[in-house]
Every structure is written in C-alpha cells, then in structure tokens.
Amino acid sequence: NYKKVCEELEQKRMTGLKNLLENESQNIENIGNIQNKTQINNKNKEVTLSNIFNDSLFRDMLEEKKETEKEEQKENKEETKIQGNDSNQTRIDQLTTKQGKNKNK
C-alpha cells in the first residue's frame, strides 16, 4: 500500500514538474514575443521621430527659402527703384541740357 502511495505521489510530482516546464516554456515564448513587439515599437518610434524631425527640417527649409525669396524680391524692387531713379535723373539731365542749349540759341 505504501509503495502504491509513493508511486502516485511520484506520478503527481512528475505531472507537476511537466506542467511547470510547459508553463516556463510558454513564459519564455511570451517573453520573446514581448521583446519582438518592444523592438518593433521602438523601431516605429524611431521612424516616427525621424519623420517628425524630417518634417520640421523640411518646414524650416521651406521657411528659409520663403524668407530668402522675400529678401531677393525686396532687393530686386530696391534695385529697380534705383535704376528707375537713375533713368529719371538721366532724363532730367537730358531735358535740362536741352533747355540750356535752347536758351543759348
């Protein structure tokens, strides 16, 4: 009877150990899945941050380009204004010279 009880206890112990081993194996698999998901999440975060950085960099570049274009337009307007003033002055000089010649006649 004692032997039978010992065998049953040994069988239960073995079943318990087998269940523990299966659970541990499942835990290890779950940990592996979690690590993979964490790596994927981290990679997605990196990509998102990279996209945000590139978007802001692109916006900054566009903003800088707009400012440069505005400055160039301003410079072009001033240059045109100066050229216009120069040609007006030249015309005034021509007229003044013409009037002076007419007075001398």
PDB file of N, CA and C in Angstrom:
ATOM      1  N   ASN A   1       0.835  -1.183   0.000  1.00  0.00           N
ATOM      2  CA  ASN A   1       0.000   0.000   0.000  1.00  0.00           C
ATOM      3  C   ASN A   1       0.889   1.261   0.000  1.00  0.00           C
ATOM      4  N   TYR A   2       1.927   1.190   0.831  1.00  0.00           N
ATOM      5  CA  TYR A   2       2.865   2.295   0.931  1.00  0.00           C
ATOM      6  C   TYR A   2       3.539   2.554  -0.421  1.00  0.00           C
ATOM      7  N   LYS A   3       3.886   1.461  -1.107  1.00  0.00           N
ATOM      8  CA  LYS A   3       4.531   1.557  -2.413  1.00  0.00           C
ATOM      9  C   LYS A   3       3.608   2.223  -3.413  1.00  0.00           C
ATOM     10  N   LYS A   4       2.307   1.872  -3.376  1.00  0.00           N
ATOM     11  CA  LYS A   4       1.305   2.434  -4.288  1.00  0.00           C
ATOM     12  C   LYS A   4       1.166   3.925  -4.028  1.00  0.00           C
ATOM     13  N   VAL A   5       1.124   4.322  -2.782  1.00  0.00           N
ATOM     14  CA  VAL A   5       1.009   5.745  -2.427  1.00  0.00           C
ATOM     15  C   VAL A   5       2.250   6.496  -2.923  1.00  0.00           C
ATOM     16  N   CYS A   6       3.413   5.910  -2.739  1.00  0.00           N
ATOM     17  CA  CYS A   6       4.670   6.522  -3.208  1.00  0.00           C
ATOM     18  C   CYS A   6       4.669   6.685  -4.730  1.00  0.00           C
ATOM     19  N   GLU A   7       4.193   5.712  -5.448  1.00  0.00           N
ATOM     20  CA  GLU A   7       4.128   5.782  -6.912  1.00  0.00           C
ATOM     21  C   GLU A   7       3.157   6.882  -7.358  1.00  0.00           C
ATOM     22  N   GLU A   8       1.999   6.957  -6.669  1.00  0.00           N
ATOM     23  CA  GLU A   8       1.022   8.011  -7.016  1.00  0.00           C
ATOM     24  C   GLU A   8       1.618   9.395  -6.755  1.00  0.00           C
ATOM     25  N   LEU A   9       2.303   9.527  -5.615  1.00  0.00           N
ATOM     26  CA  LEU A   9       2.939  10.813  -5.303  1.00  0.00           C
ATOM     27  C   LEU A   9       4.015  11.150  -6.338  1.00  0.00           C
ATOM     28  N   GLU A  10       4.783  10.159  -6.707  1.00  0.00           N
ATOM     29  CA  GLU A  10       5.829  10.364  -7.719  1.00  0.00           C
ATOM     30  C   GLU A  10       5.209  10.751  -9.055  1.00  0.00           C
ATOM     31  N   GLN A  11       4.091  10.102  -9.410  1.00  0.00           N
ATOM     32  CA  GLN A  11       3.385  10.424 -10.662  1.00  0.00           C
ATOM     33  C   GLN A  11       2.877  11.872 -10.620  1.00  0.00           C
ATOM     34  N   LYS A  12       2.290  12.277  -9.477  1.00  0.00           N
ATOM     35  CA  LYS A  12       1.792  13.657  -9.338  1.00  0.00           C
ATOM     36  C   LYS A  12       2.949  14.651  -9.403  1.00  0.00           C
ATOM     37  N   ARG A  13       4.062  14.287  -8.758  1.00  0.00           N
ATOM     38  CA  ARG A  13       5.229  15.160  -8.786  1.00  0.00           C
ATOM     39  C   ARG A  13       5.735  15.319 -10.215  1.00  0.00           C
ATOM     40  N   MET A  14       5.791  14.242 -10.947  1.00  0.00           N
ATOM     41  CA  MET A  14       6.257  14.280 -12.337  1.00  0.00           C
ATOM     42  C   MET A  14       5.295  15.102 -13.197  1.00  0.00           C
ATOM     43  N   THR A  15       3.977  14.895 -12.982  1.00  0.00           N
ATOM     44  CA  THR A  15       2.981  15.679 -13.725  1.00  0.00           C
ATOM     45  C   THR A  15       3.142  17.162 -13.393  1.00  0.00           C
ATOM     46  N   GLY A  16       3.330  17.453 -12.111  1.00  0.00           N
ATOM     47  CA  GLY A  16       3.545  18.853 -11.689  1.00  0.00           C
ATOM     48  C   GLY A  16       4.788  19.443 -12.326  1.00  0.00           C
ATOM     49  N   LEU A  17       5.875  18.681 -12.350  1.00  0.00           N
ATOM     50  CA  LEU A  17       7.115  19.151 -12.961  1.00  0.00           C
ATOM     51  C   LEU A  17       6.937  19.373 -14.459  1.00  0.00           C
ATOM     52  N   LYS A  18       6.203  18.454 -15.086  1.00  0.00           N
ATOM     53  CA  LYS A  18       5.935  18.587 -16.525  1.00  0.00           C
ATOM     54  C   LYS A  18       5.140  19.855 -16.790  1.00  0.00           C
ATOM     55  N   ASN A  19       4.120  20.115 -15.949  1.00  0.00           N
ATOM     56  CA  ASN A  19       3.315  21.335 -16.108  1.00  0.00           C
ATOM     57  C   ASN A  19       4.156  22.591 -15.889  1.00  0.00           C
ATOM     58  N   LEU A  20       5.034  22.555 -14.872  1.00  0.00           N
ATOM     59  CA  LEU A  20       5.921  23.693 -14.620  1.00  0.00           C
ATOM     60  C   LEU A  20       6.830  23.956 -15.816  1.00  0.00           C
ATOM     61  N   LEU A  21       7.351  22.882 -16.376  1.00  0.00           N
ATOM     62  CA  LEU A  21       8.229  23.008 -17.534  1.00  0.00           C
ATOM     63  C   LEU A  21       7.488  23.600 -18.729  1.00  0.00           C
ATOM     64  N   GLU A  22       6.261  23.118 -18.969  1.00  0.00           N
ATOM     65  CA  GLU A  22       5.449  23.655 -20.065  1.00  0.00           C
ATOM     66  C   GLU A  22       5.132  25.134 -19.823  1.00  0.00           C
ATOM     67  N   ASN A  23       4.785  25.464 -18.574  1.00  0.00           N
ATOM     68  CA  ASN A  23       4.490  26.865 -18.248  1.00  0.00           C
ATOM     69  C   ASN A  23       5.718  27.747 -18.462  1.00  0.00           C
ATOM     70  N   GLU A  24       6.860  27.256 -18.026  1.00  0.00           N
ATOM     71  CA  GLU A  24       8.101  28.016 -18.178  1.00  0.00           C
ATOM     72  C   GLU A  24       8.429  28.198 -19.653  1.00  0.00           C
ATOM     73  N   SER A  25       8.214  27.146 -20.434  1.00  0.00           N
ATOM     74  CA  SER A  25       8.441  27.225 -21.864  1.00  0.00           C
ATOM     75  C   SER A  25       7.522  28.280 -22.490  1.00  0.00           C
ATOM     76  N   GLN A  26       6.255  28.273 -22.057  1.00  0.00           N
ATOM     77  CA  GLN A  26       5.285  29.264 -22.554  1.00  0.00           C
ATOM     78  C   GLN A  26       5.695  30.673 -22.129  1.00  0.00           C
ATOM     79  N   ASN A  27       6.174  30.795 -20.884  1.00  0.00           N
ATOM     80  CA  ASN A  27       6.634  32.103 -20.401  1.00  0.00           C
ATOM     81  C   ASN A  27       7.796  32.626 -21.233  1.00  0.00           C
ATOM     82  N   ILE A  28       8.725  31.733 -21.542  1.00  0.00           N
ATOM     83  CA  ILE A  28       9.887  32.126 -22.359  1.00  0.00           C
ATOM     84  C   ILE A  28       9.422  32.572 -23.745  1.00  0.00           C
ATOM     85  N   GLU A  29       8.480  31.839 -24.314  1.00  0.00           N
ATOM     86  CA  GLU A  29       7.930  32.219 -25.630  1.00  0.00           C
ATOM     87  C   GLU A  29       7.248  33.579 -25.550  1.00  0.00           C
ATOM     88  N   ASN A  30       6.476  33.790 -24.472  1.00  0.00           N
ATOM     89  CA  ASN A  30       5.789  35.082 -24.297  1.00  0.00           C
ATOM     90  C   ASN A  30       6.790  36.224 -24.149  1.00  0.00           C
ATOM     91  N   ILE A  31       7.852  35.952 -23.388  1.00  0.00           N
ATOM     92  CA  ILE A  31       8.886  36.982 -23.228  1.00  0.00           C
ATOM     93  C   ILE A  31       9.519  37.312 -24.575  1.00  0.00           C
ATOM     94  N   GLY A  32       9.773  36.289 -25.385  1.00  0.00           N
ATOM     95  CA  GLY A  32      10.325  36.507 -26.722  1.00  0.00           C
ATOM     96  C   GLY A  32       9.380  37.351 -27.572  1.00  0.00           C
ATOM     97  N   ASN A  33       8.088  37.046 -27.503  1.00  0.00           N
ATOM     98  CA  ASN A  33       7.098  37.828 -28.261  1.00  0.00           C
ATOM     99  C   ASN A  33       7.067  39.273 -27.786  1.00  0.00           C
ATOM    100  N   ILE A  34       7.134  39.448 -26.464  1.00  0.00           N
ATOM    101  CA  ILE A  34       7.119  40.801 -25.904  1.00  0.00           C
ATOM    102  C   ILE A  34       8.360  41.570 -26.367  1.00  0.00           C
ATOM    103  N   GLN A  35       9.528  40.893 -26.345  1.00  0.00           N
ATOM    104  CA  GLN A  35      10.757  41.551 -26.797  1.00  0.00           C
ATOM    105  C   GLN A  35      10.653  41.951 -28.264  1.00  0.00           C
ATOM    106  N   ASN A  36      10.088  41.050 -29.092  1.00  0.00           N
ATOM    107  CA  ASN A  36       9.913  41.375 -30.514  1.00  0.00           C
ATOM    108  C   ASN A  36       8.993  42.573 -30.683  1.00  0.00           C
ATOM    109  N   LYS A  37       7.880  42.561 -29.948  1.00  0.00           N
ATOM    110  CA  LYS A  37       6.932  43.682 -30.040  1.00  0.00           C
ATOM    111  C   LYS A  37       7.575  44.976 -29.559  1.00  0.00           C
ATOM    112  N   THR A  38       8.381  44.873 -28.502  1.00  0.00           N
ATOM    113  CA  THR A  38       9.075  46.054 -27.984  1.00  0.00           C
ATOM    114  C   THR A  38      10.043  46.596 -29.033  1.00  0.00           C
ATOM    115  N   GLN A  39      10.782  45.684 -29.679  1.00  0.00           N
ATOM    116  CA  GLN A  39      11.708  46.116 -30.721  1.00  0.00           C
ATOM    117  C   GLN A  39      10.957  46.786 -31.866  1.00  0.00           C
ATOM    118  N   ILE A  40       9.839  46.198 -32.263  1.00  0.00           N
ATOM    119  CA  ILE A  40       9.029  46.778 -33.345  1.00  0.00           C
ATOM    120  C   ILE A  40       8.510  48.152 -32.924  1.00  0.00           C
ATOM    121  N   ASN A  41       8.005  48.243 -31.684  1.00  0.00           N
ATOM    122  CA  ASN A  41       7.504  49.533 -31.184  1.00  0.00           C
ATOM    123  C   ASN A  41       8.612  50.579 -31.163  1.00  0.00           C
ATOM    124  N   ASN A  42       9.788  50.165 -30.697  1.00  0.00           N
ATOM    125  CA  ASN A  42      10.911  51.100 -30.654  1.00  0.00           C
ATOM    126  C   ASN A  42      11.294  51.556 -32.055  1.00  0.00           C
ATOM    127  N   LYS A  43      11.299  50.610 -32.998  1.00  0.00           N
ATOM    128  CA  LYS A  43      11.630  50.963 -34.386  1.00  0.00           C
ATOM    129  C   LYS A  43      10.587  51.921 -34.944  1.00  0.00           C
ATOM    130  N   ASN A  44       9.308  51.647 -34.654  1.00  0.00           N
ATOM    131  CA  ASN A  44       8.236  52.540 -35.109  1.00  0.00           C
ATOM    132  C   ASN A  44       8.389  53.926 -34.502  1.00  0.00           C
ATOM    133  N   LYS A  45       8.786  53.971 -33.228  1.00  0.00           N
ATOM    134  CA  LYS A  45       9.008  55.272 -32.585  1.00  0.00           C
ATOM    135  C   LYS A  45      10.156  55.998 -33.263  1.00  0.00           C
ATOM    136  N   GLU A  46      11.219  55.255 -33.566  1.00  0.00           N
ATOM    137  CA  GLU A  46      12.361  55.877 -34.253  1.00  0.00           C
ATOM    138  C   GLU A  46      11.930  56.440 -35.601  1.00  0.00           C
ATOM    139  N   VAL A  47      11.150  55.659 -36.340  1.00  0.00           N
ATOM    140  CA  VAL A  47      10.687  56.102 -37.658  1.00  0.00           C
ATOM    141  C   VAL A  47       9.803  57.334 -37.496  1.00  0.00           C
ATOM    142  N   THR A  48       8.903  57.295 -36.505  1.00  0.00           N
ATOM    143  CA  THR A  48       8.010  58.432 -36.268  1.00  0.00           C
ATOM    144  C   THR A  48       8.821  59.673 -35.911  1.00  0.00           C
ATOM    145  N   LEU A  49       9.776  59.511 -34.991  1.00  0.00           N
ATOM    146  CA  LEU A  49      10.619  60.645 -34.607  1.00  0.00           C
ATOM    147  C   LEU A  49      11.413  61.155 -35.797  1.00  0.00           C
ATOM    148  N   SER A  50      11.903  60.227 -36.601  1.00  0.00           N
ATOM    149  CA  SER A  50      12.659  60.605 -37.798  1.00  0.00           C
ATOM    150  C   SER A  50      11.764  61.393 -38.755  1.00  0.00           C
ATOM    151  N   ASN A  51      10.539  60.907 -38.929  1.00  0.00           N
ATOM    152  CA  ASN A  51       9.586  61.609 -39.808  1.00  0.00           C
ATOM    153  C   ASN A  51       9.278  63.001 -39.271  1.00  0.00           C
ATOM    154  N   ILE A  52       9.062  63.080 -37.950  1.00  0.00           N
ATOM    155  CA  ILE A  52       8.774  64.384 -37.341  1.00  0.00           C
ATOM    156  C   ILE A  52       9.964  65.315 -37.547  1.00  0.00           C
ATOM    157  N   PHE A  53      11.158  64.786 -37.289  1.00  0.00           N
ATOM    158  CA  PHE A  53      12.368  65.594 -37.456  1.00  0.00           C
ATOM    159  C   PHE A  53      12.508  66.044 -38.911  1.00  0.00           C
ATOM    160  N   ASN A  54      12.333  65.107 -39.849  1.00  0.00           N
ATOM    161  CA  ASN A  54      12.465  65.453 -41.265  1.00  0.00           C
ATOM    162  C   ASN A  54      11.390  66.441 -41.687  1.00  0.00           C
ATOM    163  N   ASP A  55      10.153  66.267 -41.178  1.00  0.00           N
ATOM    164  CA  ASP A  55       9.084  67.212 -41.489  1.00  0.00           C
ATOM    165  C   ASP A  55       9.440  68.604 -40.988  1.00  0.00           C
ATOM    166  N   SER A  56       9.930  68.690 -39.745  1.00  0.00           N
ATOM    167  CA  SER A  56      10.271  70.002 -39.198  1.00  0.00           C
ATOM    168  C   SER A  56      11.468  70.587 -39.940  1.00  0.00           C
ATOM    169  N   LEU A  57      12.424  69.717 -40.306  1.00  0.00           N
ATOM    170  CA  LEU A  57      13.572  70.164 -41.076  1.00  0.00           C
ATOM    171  C   LEU A  57      13.106  70.696 -42.437  1.00  0.00           C
ATOM    172  N   PHE A  58      12.180  69.966 -43.065  1.00  0.00           N
ATOM    173  CA  PHE A  58      11.639  70.373 -44.358  1.00  0.00           C
ATOM    174  C   PHE A  58      10.896  71.709 -44.224  1.00  0.00           C
ATOM    175  N   ARG A  59      10.083  71.828 -43.150  1.00  0.00           N
ATOM    176  CA  ARG A  59       9.354  73.093 -42.924  1.00  0.00           C
ATOM    177  C   ARG A  59      10.331  74.241 -42.722  1.00  0.00           C
ATOM    178  N   ASP A  60      11.392  73.982 -41.947  1.00  0.00           N
ATOM    179  CA  ASP A  60      12.400  75.019 -41.722  1.00  0.00           C
ATOM    180  C   ASP A  60      13.053  75.434 -43.037  1.00  0.00           C
ATOM    181  N   MET A  61      13.347  74.429 -43.874  1.00  0.00           N
ATOM    182  CA  MET A  61      13.967  74.728 -45.166  1.00  0.00           C
ATOM    183  C   MET A  61      13.020  75.552 -46.035  1.00  0.00           C
ATOM    184  N   LEU A  62      11.731  75.181 -46.028  1.00  0.00           N
ATOM    185  CA  LEU A  62      10.756  75.943 -46.806  1.00  0.00           C
ATOM    186  C   LEU A  62      10.654  77.377 -46.290  1.00  0.00           C
ATOM    187  N   GLU A  63      10.611  77.505 -44.968  1.00  0.00           N
ATOM    188  CA  GLU A  63      10.527  78.828 -44.346  1.00  0.00           C
ATOM    189  C   GLU A  63      11.739  79.668 -44.718  1.00  0.00           C
ATOM    190  N   GLU A  64      12.904  79.046 -44.666  1.00  0.00           N
ATOM    191  CA  GLU A  64      14.137  79.741 -45.019  1.00  0.00           C
ATOM    192  C   GLU A  64      14.119  80.152 -46.495  1.00  0.00           C
ATOM    193  N   LYS A  65      13.616  79.253 -47.337  1.00  0.00           N
ATOM    194  CA  LYS A  65      13.525  79.551 -48.773  1.00  0.00           C
ATOM    195  C   LYS A  65      12.582  80.726 -49.010  1.00  0.00           C
ATOM    196  N   LYS A  66      11.436  80.725 -48.299  1.00  0.00           N
ATOM    197  CA  LYS A  66      10.484  81.836 -48.441  1.00  0.00           C
ATOM    198  C   LYS A  66      11.120  83.150 -48.022  1.00  0.00           C
ATOM    199  N   GLU A  67      11.839  83.119 -46.883  1.00  0.00           N
ATOM    200  CA  GLU A  67      12.487  84.336 -46.404  1.00  0.00           C
ATOM    201  C   GLU A  67      13.532  84.820 -47.405  1.00  0.00           C
ATOM    202  N   THR A  68      14.298  83.888 -47.957  1.00  0.00           N
ATOM    203  CA  THR A  68      15.319  84.242 -48.939  1.00  0.00           C
ATOM    204  C   THR A  68      14.667  84.860 -50.172  1.00  0.00           C
ATOM    205  N   GLU A  69      13.566  84.250 -50.616  1.00  0.00           N
ATOM    206  CA  GLU A  69      12.859  84.781 -51.783  1.00  0.00           C
ATOM    207  C   GLU A  69      12.317  86.180 -51.502  1.00  0.00           C
ATOM    208  N   LYS A  70      11.777  86.380 -50.293  1.00  0.00           N
ATOM    209  CA  LYS A  70      11.267  87.715 -49.929  1.00  0.00           C
ATOM    210  C   LYS A  70      12.388  88.736 -49.950  1.00  0.00           C
ATOM    211  N   GLU A  71      13.543  88.359 -49.377  1.00  0.00           N
ATOM    212  CA  GLU A  71      14.691  89.272 -49.362  1.00  0.00           C
ATOM    213  C   GLU A  71      15.141  89.587 -50.782  1.00  0.00           C
ATOM    214  N   GLU A  72      15.185  88.546 -51.644  1.00  0.00           N
ATOM    215  CA  GLU A  72      15.595  88.758 -53.034  1.00  0.00           C
ATOM    216  C   GLU A  72      14.619  89.671 -53.754  1.00  0.00           C
ATOM    217  N   GLN A  73      13.309  89.462 -53.512  1.00  0.00           N
ATOM    218  CA  GLN A  73      12.296  90.323 -54.131  1.00  0.00           C
ATOM    219  C   GLN A  73      12.459  91.766 -53.656  1.00  0.00           C
ATOM    220  N   LYS A  74      12.718  91.910 -52.360  1.00  0.00           N
ATOM    221  CA  LYS A  74      12.912  93.248 -51.791  1.00  0.00           C
ATOM    222  C   LYS A  74      14.116  93.919 -52.432  1.00  0.00           C
ATOM    223  N   GLU A  75      15.223  93.145 -52.537  1.00  0.00           N
ATOM    224  CA  GLU A  75      16.433  93.677 -53.167  1.00  0.00           C
ATOM    225  C   GLU A  75      16.173  94.038 -54.627  1.00  0.00           C
ATOM    226  N   ASN A  76      15.426  93.179 -55.330  1.00  0.00           N
ATOM    227  CA  ASN A  76      15.113  93.439 -56.737  1.00  0.00           C
ATOM    228  C   ASN A  76      14.266  94.703 -56.881  1.00  0.00           C
ATOM    229  N   LYS A  77      13.313  94.881 -55.957  1.00  0.00           N
ATOM    230  CA  LYS A  77      12.464  96.090 -56.002  1.00  0.00           C
ATOM    231  C   LYS A  77      13.317  97.329 -55.773  1.00  0.00           C
ATOM    232  N   GLU A  78      14.213  97.249 -54.773  1.00  0.00           N
ATOM    233  CA  GLU A  78      15.081  98.387 -54.490  1.00  0.00           C
ATOM    234  C   GLU A  78      15.983  98.678 -55.674  1.00  0.00           C
ATOM    235  N   GLU A  79      16.516  97.622 -56.281  1.00  0.00           N
ATOM    236  CA  GLU A  79      17.398  97.778 -57.449  1.00  0.00           C
ATOM    237  C   GLU A  79      16.617  98.427 -58.594  1.00  0.00           C
ATOM    238  N   THR A  80      15.399  97.951 -58.816  1.00  0.00           N
ATOM    239  CA  THR A  80      14.560  98.503 -59.880  1.00  0.00           C
ATOM    240  C   THR A  80      14.258  99.964 -59.590  1.00  0.00           C
ATOM    241  N   LYS A  81      13.998 100.266 -58.314  1.00  0.00           N
ATOM    242  CA  LYS A  81      13.691 101.634 -57.905  1.00  0.00           C
ATOM    243  C   LYS A  81      14.901 102.531 -58.161  1.00  0.00           C
ATOM    244  N   ILE A  82      16.083 102.028 -57.786  1.00  0.00           N
ATOM    245  CA  ILE A  82      17.311 102.802 -58.002  1.00  0.00           C
ATOM    246  C   ILE A  82      17.542 103.000 -59.488  1.00  0.00           C
ATOM    247  N   GLN A  83      17.358 101.932 -60.276  1.00  0.00           N
ATOM    248  CA  GLN A  83      17.535 102.040 -61.728  1.00  0.00           C
ATOM    249  C   GLN A  83      16.532 103.034 -62.301  1.00  0.00           C
ATOM    250  N   GLY A  84      15.299 102.970 -61.773  1.00  0.00           N
ATOM    251  CA  GLY A  84      14.263 103.913 -62.223  1.00  0.00           C
ATOM    252  C   GLY A  84      14.664 105.333 -61.888  1.00  0.00           C
ATOM    253  N   ASN A  85      15.186 105.549 -60.679  1.00  0.00           N
ATOM    254  CA  ASN A  85      15.627 106.885 -60.281  1.00  0.00           C
ATOM    255  C   ASN A  85      16.772 107.348 -61.157  1.00  0.00           C
ATOM    256  N   ASP A  86      17.698 106.443 -61.455  1.00  0.00           N
ATOM    257  CA  ASP A  86      18.832 106.782 -62.318  1.00  0.00           C
ATOM    258  C   ASP A  86      18.356 107.189 -63.697  1.00  0.00           C
ATOM    259  N   SER A  87      17.405 106.417 -64.255  1.00  0.00           N
ATOM    260  CA  SER A  87      16.934 106.747 -65.602  1.00  0.00           C
ATOM    261  C   SER A  87      16.128 108.040 -65.566  1.00  0.00           C
ATOM    262  N   ASN A  88      15.395 108.284 -64.465  1.00  0.00           N
ATOM    263  CA  ASN A  88      14.667 109.564 -64.340  1.00  0.00           C
ATOM    264  C   ASN A  88      15.661 110.720 -64.272  1.00  0.00           C
ATOM    265  N   GLN A  89      16.733 110.523 -63.495  1.00  0.00           N
ATOM    266  CA  GLN A  89      17.747 111.566 -63.372  1.00  0.00           C
ATOM    267  C   GLN A  89      18.407 111.825 -64.717  1.00  0.00           C
ATOM    268  N   THR A  90      18.679 110.729 -65.460  1.00  0.00           N
ATOM    269  CA  THR A  90      19.283 110.869 -66.783  1.00  0.00           C
ATOM    270  C   THR A  90      18.356 111.667 -67.698  1.00  0.00           C
ATOM    271  N   ARG A  91      17.071 111.375 -67.628  1.00  0.00           N
ATOM    272  CA  ARG A  91      16.078 112.082 -68.451  1.00  0.00           C
ATOM    273  C   ARG A  91      16.009 113.549 -68.065  1.00  0.00           C
ATOM    274  N   ILE A  92      16.056 113.810 -66.756  1.00  0.00           N
ATOM    275  CA  ILE A  92      16.035 115.200 -66.273  1.00  0.00           C
ATOM    276  C   ILE A  92      17.284 115.925 -66.773  1.00  0.00           C
ATOM    277  N   ASP A  93      18.427 115.246 -66.666  1.00  0.00           N
ATOM    278  CA  ASP A  93      19.681 115.851 -67.144  1.00  0.00           C
ATOM    279  C   ASP A  93      19.605 116.160 -68.628  1.00  0.00           C
ATOM    280  N   GLN A  94      19.033 115.233 -69.393  1.00  0.00           N
ATOM    281  CA  GLN A  94      18.906 115.431 -70.839  1.00  0.00           C
ATOM    282  C   GLN A  94      18.015 116.638 -71.125  1.00  0.00           C
ATOM    283  N   LEU A  95      16.890 116.693 -70.421  1.00  0.00           N
ATOM    284  CA  LEU A  95      15.966 117.810 -70.635  1.00  0.00           C
ATOM    285  C   LEU A  95      16.617 119.139 -70.222  1.00  0.00           C
ATOM    286  N   THR A  96      17.312 119.108 -69.099  1.00  0.00           N
ATOM    287  CA  THR A  96      17.976 120.324 -68.611  1.00  0.00           C
ATOM    288  C   THR A  96      19.022 120.783 -69.615  1.00  0.00           C
ATOM    289  N   THR A  97      19.781 119.796 -70.124  1.00  0.00           N
ATOM    290  CA  THR A  97      20.809 120.115 -71.115  1.00  0.00           C
ATOM    291  C   THR A  97      20.166 120.681 -72.366  1.00  0.00           C
ATOM    292  N   LYS A  98      19.038 120.095 -72.773  1.00  0.00           N
ATOM    293  CA  LYS A  98      18.336 120.550 -73.973  1.00  0.00           C
ATOM    294  C   LYS A  98      17.830 121.967 -73.787  1.00  0.00           C
ATOM    295  N   GLN A  99      17.269 122.243 -72.586  1.00  0.00           N
ATOM    296  CA  GLN A  99      16.759 123.572 -72.294  1.00  0.00           C
ATOM    297  C   GLN A  99      17.892 124.584 -72.289  1.00  0.00           C
ATOM    298  N   GLY A 100      19.018 124.149 -71.733  1.00  0.00           N
ATOM    299  CA  GLY A 100      20.192 125.051 -71.709  1.00  0.00           C
ATOM    300  C   GLY A 100      20.657 125.372 -73.114  1.00  0.00           C
ATOM    301  N   LYS A 101      20.653 124.378 -73.998  1.00  0.00           N
ATOM    302  CA  LYS A 101      21.079 124.585 -75.389  1.00  0.00           C
ATOM    303  C   LYS A 101      20.082 125.487 -76.080  1.00  0.00           C
ATOM    304  N   ASN A 102      18.781 125.288 -75.798  1.00  0.00           N
ATOM    305  CA  ASN A 102      17.756 126.114 -76.426  1.00  0.00           C
ATOM    306  C   ASN A 102      17.895 127.585 -75.980  1.00  0.00           C
ATOM    307  N   LYS A 103      18.240 127.822 -74.735  1.00  0.00           N
ATOM    308  CA  LYS A 103      18.418 129.181 -74.236  1.00  0.00           C
ATOM    309  C   LYS A 103      19.612 129.845 -74.902  1.00  0.00           C
ATOM    310  N   ASN A 104      20.636 129.056 -75.169  1.00  0.00           N
ATOM    311  CA  ASN A 104      21.844 129.591 -75.770  1.00  0.00           C
ATOM    312  C   ASN A 104      21.627 129.985 -77.223  1.00  0.00           C
ATOM    313  N   LYS A 105      20.614 129.455 -77.865  1.00  0.00           N
ATOM    314  CA  LYS A 105      20.399 129.708 -79.297  1.00  0.00           C
ATOM    315  C   LYS A 105      19.864 131.064 -79.476  1.00  0.00           C
TER     316      LYS A 105
END
